[in-house]
Amino acid sequence: MGWRAAGVGVGVGVGALLAWWAWRSEYFYPETPTKWEEVGEVSELVIYPLKSGRGVKVTEAEATRYGLARDLLEDRSFVVVTSADTIMFANDKPRLYNLILTLDGSVVTLRAVEEDQEEREVVTFDLDDVIRAAKVINIQKFEETLKGYDCGHEASAWLTRVLRERKQVVRLAYNGDLTLDRQPGRSRMLDPGYAKDYYYAQYKPSDRIVYAQHSAYTLASETSLADLNCRLEGESVTMEWFKPNIVVRGVREAYDEDDWAFVRIGDVVLRRLKPCTKCMFPHIPRVIVPTWSEISRDDRVKRVMLSTRQQKCPEALEYYWKSKPVFGSHLCIDVCGRVRVGDRVSVARTSSNPRWQVAEKRQAKSGAEAKM
């Protein structure tokens, strides 16, 4: 598919050359392809400004280093923070799925959409006021310490009430320009407890995220969703269940996106990092899936996906994939630009490159490399 290998300049010292070779062997980054295959077109662009909240559909957006953005509406740029200064996730607090964050200029509106309620709970505040107040809080996310601007008492009181928190006061934090150099390094490794010697090799040191978990982008196809719903025999889930930023229509085969190493949309080029695995199935509100009881819906989708959507390679990780069905892909960006609904989508395939693997085993270092 026109992929090219990188070379090394002449005159590099022996130590530097060995170090480069060790790095190159462990972290294989194919360069951008020169040949592409058209597979469909963009049907949806979705920005999730509040982590774990609902998405905002747009007709066009800037594909930035940190994710989709439209003016100040940026992907995963707000988080709910607990009293222990940790990020609140929807797996622990499903009511987060009821929250919708929108912007009009610098004015933020937070809405809570509750089942069987005509009225919506609303709070508004101005980001200019938040930045001027400059109250920065530290946020713990696993072993990382992130930063964010505290969005104020009114937003905090509203969230605490809407999320029905009785034992703690939660806050809303906004990234602004505080978290711009965060690498998704933790996501490169497979679960240390089960696959500590394996890593996802397509991450680059230049990749960045803000408050996202694994990557700046997620992608899925309408064809894959249609296949899943067909297997659910009469019931259905929506694409919002999986929360992709980019949805592609017109793809010939279901789950073809598993084989897309690079994705080109106009001038924008995205690089596939890893499969999007679903290890847990939170109770998503019925505003998204209105016809099922929560328990039966979760169990049925999980059962179907576990039987049909498991990774097969490398064989040594078969036990690892058993509890992690896949839908869609995580990506980061190599070429930024503007994307629009209706843009044609072209790809370069992983199957065309024999070195491209879902996960690779970390190579043991030689004595010389270990001393570097």
Protein backbone atom coordinates (compact mmCIF):
# COMPACT_ATOMS: atom_id res chain seq x y z
CA MET A 1 0.00 0.00 0.00
CA GLY A 2 2.93 2.31 -0.57
CA TRP A 3 4.28 2.24 2.97
CA ARG A 4 7.86 3.34 3.38
CA ALA A 5 10.54 2.47 5.90
CA ALA A 6 12.50 5.12 7.76
CA GLY A 7 16.28 5.34 7.42
CA VAL A 8 19.18 6.42 9.61
CA GLY A 9 21.66 9.12 8.73
CA VAL A 10 25.36 8.43 8.35
CA GLY A 11 27.74 9.46 11.09
CA VAL A 12 25.71 8.36 14.07
CA GLY A 13 27.82 7.15 16.99
CA VAL A 14 27.76 3.47 17.89
CA GLY A 15 25.97 4.08 21.20
CA ALA A 16 23.37 6.33 19.61
CA LEU A 17 22.85 3.84 16.80
CA LEU A 18 22.26 1.00 19.24
CA ALA A 19 19.84 3.14 21.22
CA TRP A 20 18.00 4.11 18.04
CA TRP A 21 17.78 0.48 16.94
CA ALA A 22 16.41 -0.62 20.32
CA TRP A 23 13.78 2.13 20.14
CA ARG A 24 12.94 1.37 16.51
CA SER A 25 12.62 -2.36 17.15
CA GLU A 26 10.22 -1.89 20.05
CA TYR A 27 8.19 1.02 18.67
CA PHE A 28 7.38 0.42 15.01
CA TYR A 29 5.77 3.50 13.43
CA PRO A 30 4.98 3.05 9.74
CA GLU A 31 4.98 6.30 7.82
CA THR A 32 1.85 7.71 6.22
CA PRO A 33 0.74 5.60 3.24
CA THR A 34 0.90 6.88 -0.32
CA LYS A 35 -1.90 4.64 -1.67
CA TRP A 36 -5.45 4.61 -0.35
CA GLU A 37 -8.66 2.61 -0.73
CA GLU A 38 -11.99 4.46 -0.53
CA VAL A 39 -14.41 2.72 1.85
CA GLY A 40 -17.27 5.12 2.57
CA GLU A 41 -18.13 8.57 3.88
CA VAL A 42 -18.51 10.36 7.19
CA SER A 43 -22.10 10.13 8.45
CA GLU A 44 -21.64 11.60 11.94
CA LEU A 45 -19.15 13.78 13.80
CA VAL A 46 -19.68 13.82 17.55
CA ILE A 47 -17.89 15.89 20.19
CA TYR A 48 -18.08 14.72 23.81
CA PRO A 49 -17.10 17.89 25.72
CA LEU A 50 -17.92 16.35 29.11
CA LYS A 51 -16.12 13.10 29.83
CA SER A 52 -18.74 10.35 30.36
CA GLY A 53 -21.53 12.73 29.27
CA ARG A 54 -23.66 12.78 26.13
CA GLY A 55 -22.30 13.79 22.74
CA VAL A 56 -22.97 16.88 20.62
CA LYS A 57 -23.36 16.19 16.90
CA VAL A 58 -21.80 18.71 14.52
CA THR A 59 -21.70 18.93 10.73
CA GLU A 60 -18.04 19.97 10.62
CA ALA A 61 -15.15 20.28 13.05
CA GLU A 62 -11.42 20.80 13.37
CA ALA A 63 -9.52 17.55 13.78
CA THR A 64 -6.86 18.66 16.25
CA ARG A 65 -4.06 16.91 18.06
CA TYR A 66 -6.36 16.51 21.08
CA GLY A 67 -9.57 15.46 19.32
CA LEU A 68 -12.49 17.04 17.49
CA ALA A 69 -13.20 20.70 18.26
CA ARG A 70 -15.56 23.41 17.13
CA ASP A 71 -14.55 26.78 18.56
CA LEU A 72 -14.46 26.27 22.36
CA LEU A 73 -16.43 23.02 22.14
CA GLU A 74 -13.60 20.51 22.49
CA ASP A 75 -13.69 16.78 23.02
CA ARG A 76 -13.26 15.58 26.63
CA SER A 77 -12.28 19.04 27.87
CA PHE A 78 -14.53 18.95 30.98
CA VAL A 79 -14.61 16.39 33.78
CA VAL A 80 -16.61 15.87 36.95
CA VAL A 81 -14.26 15.66 39.94
CA THR A 82 -15.04 13.87 43.20
CA SER A 83 -14.32 15.16 46.70
CA ALA A 84 -11.20 12.97 46.63
CA ASP A 85 -9.97 14.91 43.55
CA THR A 86 -10.44 11.93 41.22
CA ILE A 87 -12.28 11.84 37.90
CA MET A 88 -15.82 10.50 38.12
CA PHE A 89 -16.57 7.79 35.54
CA ALA A 90 -19.96 6.70 34.24
CA ASN A 91 -19.18 3.09 35.14
CA ASP A 92 -19.39 4.20 38.77
CA LYS A 93 -22.02 6.92 38.30
CA PRO A 94 -24.35 6.05 35.37
CA ARG A 95 -26.26 9.33 35.83
CA LEU A 96 -23.36 11.06 34.09
CA TYR A 97 -24.83 9.71 30.84
CA ASN A 98 -27.81 12.01 31.40
CA LEU A 99 -25.67 15.17 31.20
CA ILE A 100 -25.36 17.27 28.05
CA LEU A 101 -22.82 20.12 27.90
CA THR A 102 -23.10 22.74 25.14
CA LEU A 103 -21.47 26.11 24.45
CA ASP A 104 -22.76 29.33 22.92
CA GLY A 105 -19.70 31.50 22.55
CA SER A 106 -18.11 31.27 26.00
CA VAL A 107 -21.36 30.48 27.82
CA VAL A 108 -21.62 26.88 29.02
CA THR A 109 -25.00 25.22 29.49
CA LEU A 110 -25.29 21.93 31.37
CA ARG A 111 -28.55 20.01 31.01
CA ALA A 112 -29.71 16.87 32.75
CA VAL A 113 -32.08 14.70 30.73
CA GLU A 114 -34.02 12.40 33.03
CA GLU A 115 -36.31 9.60 31.92
CA ASP A 116 -40.03 10.53 31.80
CA GLN A 117 -39.30 14.20 32.54
CA GLU A 118 -40.44 16.95 30.21
CA GLU A 119 -38.50 19.63 32.08
CA ARG A 120 -34.72 19.61 31.96
CA GLU A 121 -32.48 20.61 34.83
CA VAL A 122 -30.19 23.43 33.61
CA VAL A 123 -27.23 25.46 34.88
CA THR A 124 -25.19 28.04 32.95
CA PHE A 125 -21.89 29.84 33.51
CA ASP A 126 -19.33 31.79 31.50
CA LEU A 127 -15.92 30.28 30.72
CA ASP A 128 -14.40 33.76 30.67
CA ASP A 129 -15.31 34.07 34.35
CA VAL A 130 -13.81 30.65 35.04
CA ILE A 131 -10.50 31.57 33.40
CA ARG A 132 -10.38 34.96 35.17
CA ALA A 133 -10.96 33.31 38.55
CA ALA A 134 -8.02 31.01 37.74
CA LYS A 135 -8.83 28.54 40.51
CA VAL A 136 -6.78 25.51 39.45
CA ILE A 137 -7.38 22.11 40.99
CA ASN A 138 -5.26 18.97 40.84
CA ILE A 139 -7.07 15.92 39.50
CA GLN A 140 -5.93 12.35 40.13
CA LYS A 141 -6.37 9.86 37.32
CA PHE A 142 -4.80 6.52 38.12
CA GLU A 143 -1.11 7.35 38.68
CA GLU A 144 -1.33 10.72 36.89
CA THR A 145 -1.96 14.18 38.31
CA LEU A 146 -3.84 16.40 35.86
CA LYS A 147 -5.01 19.99 36.22
CA GLY A 148 -8.21 21.86 35.51
CA TYR A 149 -9.98 25.14 36.17
CA ASP A 150 -12.69 24.87 38.82
CA CYS A 151 -15.93 25.95 37.12
CA GLY A 152 -17.36 27.44 40.29
CA HIS A 153 -19.77 26.90 43.17
CA GLU A 154 -23.00 27.10 41.15
CA ALA A 155 -21.94 24.33 38.75
CA SER A 156 -20.66 22.28 41.70
CA ALA A 157 -23.91 22.58 43.66
CA TRP A 158 -25.98 21.76 40.57
CA LEU A 159 -23.94 18.64 39.73
CA THR A 160 -23.99 17.42 43.33
CA ARG A 161 -27.79 17.67 43.36
CA VAL A 162 -28.44 16.27 39.87
CA LEU A 163 -26.07 13.33 40.37
CA ARG A 164 -27.75 12.70 43.75
CA GLU A 165 -24.52 12.79 45.69
CA ARG A 166 -25.33 12.68 49.39
CA LYS A 167 -21.90 11.99 50.86
CA GLN A 168 -19.70 14.30 48.82
CA VAL A 169 -19.59 17.56 46.90
CA VAL A 170 -18.48 17.15 43.29
CA ARG A 171 -16.98 19.82 41.04
CA LEU A 172 -16.73 20.53 37.33
CA ALA A 173 -13.23 21.10 35.93
CA TYR A 174 -12.30 22.64 32.56
CA ASN A 175 -8.99 22.00 30.85
CA GLY A 176 -8.51 25.34 29.09
CA ASP A 177 -4.80 25.28 28.30
CA LEU A 178 -3.66 23.44 31.44
CA THR A 179 -3.31 19.91 30.07
CA LEU A 180 -1.71 20.15 26.65
CA ASP A 181 1.29 17.84 26.96
CA ARG A 182 -0.34 14.66 28.24
CA GLN A 183 0.67 11.47 26.43
CA PRO A 184 -1.58 8.39 26.42
CA GLY A 185 1.37 6.35 27.68
CA ARG A 186 -0.55 4.22 30.17
CA SER A 187 -2.81 3.00 27.37
CA ARG A 188 0.14 1.62 25.40
CA MET A 189 0.43 -1.29 27.79
CA LEU A 190 -2.05 -4.12 27.95
CA ASP A 191 -3.32 -4.96 31.42
CA PRO A 192 -0.15 -5.30 33.57
CA GLY A 193 -1.77 -8.04 35.64
CA TYR A 194 -2.55 -10.27 32.66
CA ALA A 195 -0.38 -9.24 29.74
CA LYS A 196 2.51 -7.27 31.19
CA ASP A 197 4.93 -8.21 28.41
CA TYR A 198 2.67 -6.91 25.61
CA TYR A 199 2.04 -3.41 24.34
CA TYR A 200 0.22 -1.58 21.55
CA ALA A 201 3.02 -0.61 19.19
CA GLN A 202 1.32 2.12 17.14
CA TYR A 203 1.41 4.88 19.76
CA LYS A 204 3.88 7.68 19.06
CA PRO A 205 5.65 10.00 21.53
CA SER A 206 3.90 12.90 19.76
CA ASP A 207 0.38 11.60 20.52
CA ARG A 208 -1.62 13.74 22.94
CA ILE A 209 -4.89 13.56 24.88
CA VAL A 210 -6.59 15.86 27.40
CA TYR A 211 -9.00 14.03 29.71
CA ALA A 212 -9.68 11.10 27.36
CA GLN A 213 -8.85 7.61 28.53
CA HIS A 214 -7.01 5.98 25.62
CA SER A 215 -6.86 8.20 22.54
CA ALA A 216 -7.94 11.45 20.95
CA TYR A 217 -10.40 9.75 18.57
CA THR A 218 -12.70 6.77 18.29
CA LEU A 219 -14.28 5.51 15.08
CA ALA A 220 -16.92 2.95 14.09
CA SER A 221 -19.04 2.10 11.05
CA GLU A 222 -22.81 1.97 10.59
CA THR A 223 -22.37 -1.44 8.94
CA SER A 224 -20.88 -2.86 12.14
CA LEU A 225 -23.73 -1.49 14.24
CA ALA A 226 -26.28 -2.97 11.83
CA ASP A 227 -24.61 -6.37 12.14
CA LEU A 228 -24.69 -6.22 15.93
CA ASN A 229 -28.36 -5.22 15.97
CA CYS A 230 -29.17 -8.06 13.57
CA ARG A 231 -27.60 -10.49 16.02
CA LEU A 232 -29.68 -9.02 18.84
CA GLU A 233 -32.79 -10.43 17.10
CA GLY A 234 -35.40 -7.72 17.07
CA GLU A 235 -33.98 -5.31 19.63
CA SER A 236 -31.37 -2.66 18.96
CA VAL A 237 -28.80 -0.33 20.44
CA THR A 238 -27.76 3.02 19.00
CA MET A 239 -24.30 4.23 18.08
CA GLU A 240 -24.35 6.40 21.20
CA TRP A 241 -23.80 3.23 23.23
CA PHE A 242 -20.23 3.10 21.89
CA LYS A 243 -19.55 6.88 21.77
CA PRO A 244 -17.45 7.17 18.59
CA ASN A 245 -16.33 10.61 17.43
CA ILE A 246 -16.44 9.60 13.77
CA VAL A 247 -19.08 7.33 12.22
CA VAL A 248 -18.60 5.99 8.69
CA ARG A 249 -21.40 4.83 6.39
CA GLY A 250 -21.25 2.83 3.17
CA VAL A 251 -18.66 0.32 4.40
CA ARG A 252 -19.15 -3.01 2.62
CA GLU A 253 -18.41 -5.41 5.46
CA ALA A 254 -19.16 -5.28 9.17
CA TYR A 255 -16.11 -4.66 11.37
CA ASP A 256 -13.96 -3.81 8.37
CA GLU A 257 -12.56 -0.97 10.50
CA ASP A 258 -10.58 -3.61 12.43
CA ASP A 259 -8.29 -3.69 9.37
CA TRP A 260 -7.79 0.06 8.94
CA ALA A 261 -4.24 1.04 9.89
CA PHE A 262 -4.67 4.62 8.64
CA VAL A 263 -7.81 6.61 7.89
CA ARG A 264 -7.85 9.64 5.58
CA ILE A 265 -10.71 12.16 5.59
CA GLY A 266 -9.94 15.02 3.22
CA ASP A 267 -6.45 16.14 4.23
CA VAL A 268 -6.75 14.67 7.72
CA VAL A 269 -4.87 11.44 8.45
CA LEU A 270 -5.64 9.32 11.51
CA ARG A 271 -3.62 6.34 12.74
CA ARG A 272 -5.21 3.31 14.41
CA LEU A 273 -3.74 2.65 17.84
CA LYS A 274 -5.76 -0.21 19.24
CA PRO A 275 -9.16 -1.88 19.15
CA CYS A 276 -11.87 -0.26 21.25
CA THR A 277 -12.58 -2.96 23.83
CA LYS A 278 -15.72 -3.13 25.94
CA CYS A 279 -14.77 -4.80 29.19
CA MET A 280 -17.75 -3.42 31.15
CA PHE A 281 -21.33 -2.65 30.17
CA PRO A 282 -22.72 0.22 32.23
CA HIS A 283 -26.45 0.71 32.65
CA ILE A 284 -27.01 3.32 29.98
CA PRO A 285 -30.21 5.37 30.53
CA ARG A 286 -33.27 4.44 28.51
CA VAL A 287 -33.14 7.75 26.72
CA ILE A 288 -30.47 6.00 24.61
CA VAL A 289 -32.02 2.51 24.45
CA PRO A 290 -35.73 2.94 25.26
CA THR A 291 -37.15 -0.55 24.89
CA TRP A 292 -35.18 -2.82 27.23
CA SER A 293 -34.91 -3.22 30.95
CA GLU A 294 -31.38 -2.23 31.89
CA ILE A 295 -30.22 -5.60 33.19
CA SER A 296 -31.56 -7.70 30.31
CA ARG A 297 -30.18 -5.24 27.76
CA ASP A 298 -26.70 -5.23 29.23
CA ASP A 299 -26.60 -9.01 29.56
CA ARG A 300 -27.82 -9.63 26.04
CA VAL A 301 -25.44 -7.23 24.33
CA LYS A 302 -22.54 -8.54 26.39
CA ARG A 303 -23.37 -12.15 25.56
CA VAL A 304 -23.65 -11.47 21.82
CA MET A 305 -20.45 -9.43 21.66
CA LEU A 306 -18.46 -11.93 23.71
CA SER A 307 -19.47 -14.67 21.28
CA THR A 308 -18.69 -12.75 18.09
CA ARG A 309 -16.27 -9.87 18.70
CA GLN A 310 -13.13 -11.22 20.35
CA GLN A 311 -9.64 -10.56 19.04
CA LYS A 312 -7.87 -13.66 17.73
CA CYS A 313 -4.23 -12.63 17.75
CA PRO A 314 -1.65 -12.94 18.99
CA GLU A 315 -2.63 -16.42 20.14
CA ALA A 316 -0.67 -15.99 23.37
CA LEU A 317 -3.24 -13.38 24.45
CA GLU A 318 -6.33 -15.46 23.78
CA TYR A 319 -7.13 -15.54 27.51
CA TYR A 320 -6.77 -11.75 27.70
CA TRP A 321 -9.28 -11.04 24.91
CA LYS A 322 -11.96 -13.38 26.27
CA SER A 323 -13.53 -10.69 28.44
CA LYS A 324 -12.88 -7.78 26.04
CA PRO A 325 -15.16 -7.73 23.00
CA VAL A 326 -14.31 -5.12 20.38
CA PHE A 327 -16.39 -2.44 18.67
CA GLY A 328 -14.62 0.30 16.75
CA SER A 329 -11.08 1.64 16.99
CA HIS A 330 -9.02 4.11 18.98
CA LEU A 331 -6.98 6.52 16.85
CA CYS A 332 -4.61 9.46 17.11
CA ILE A 333 -3.83 12.01 14.43
CA ASP A 334 -0.87 12.43 12.09
CA VAL A 335 -2.22 15.25 9.89
CA CYS A 336 -4.65 17.81 11.35
CA GLY A 337 -7.32 19.66 9.39
CA ARG A 338 -11.03 20.19 8.92
CA VAL A 339 -13.53 17.34 8.55
CA ARG A 340 -17.18 17.45 7.48
CA VAL A 341 -20.16 15.14 7.37
CA GLY A 342 -20.23 13.73 3.84
CA ASP A 343 -16.44 13.71 3.40
CA ARG A 344 -15.13 10.61 1.65
CA VAL A 345 -13.17 8.17 3.81
CA SER A 346 -10.12 6.28 2.52
CA VAL A 347 -7.95 3.77 4.35
CA ALA A 348 -4.70 1.83 4.27
CA ARG A 349 -5.07 -1.67 5.66
CA THR A 350 -3.17 -3.42 8.43
CA SER A 351 -3.39 -6.64 6.41
CA SER A 352 -1.20 -5.08 3.72
CA ASN A 353 1.68 -4.66 6.17
CA PRO A 354 3.07 -7.92 7.58
CA ARG A 355 4.67 -6.11 10.54
CA TRP A 356 1.46 -4.52 11.75
CA GLN A 357 0.10 -6.33 14.81
CA VAL A 358 -2.73 -5.59 17.23
CA ALA A 359 -0.32 -6.14 20.11
CA GLU A 360 3.36 -7.01 20.21
CA LYS A 361 5.57 -8.57 22.83
CA ARG A 362 8.19 -6.39 24.43
CA GLN A 363 11.63 -7.52 23.36
CA ALA A 364 14.16 -8.45 26.02
CA LYS A 365 16.98 -5.93 26.11
CA SER A 366 20.55 -6.98 25.55
CA GLY A 367 23.20 -6.14 28.11
CA ALA A 368 24.46 -3.21 26.02
CA GLU A 369 20.94 -1.76 25.63
CA ALA A 370 20.11 -2.20 29.31
CA LYS A 371 23.04 0.05 30.29
CA MET A 372 21.82 2.92 28.10
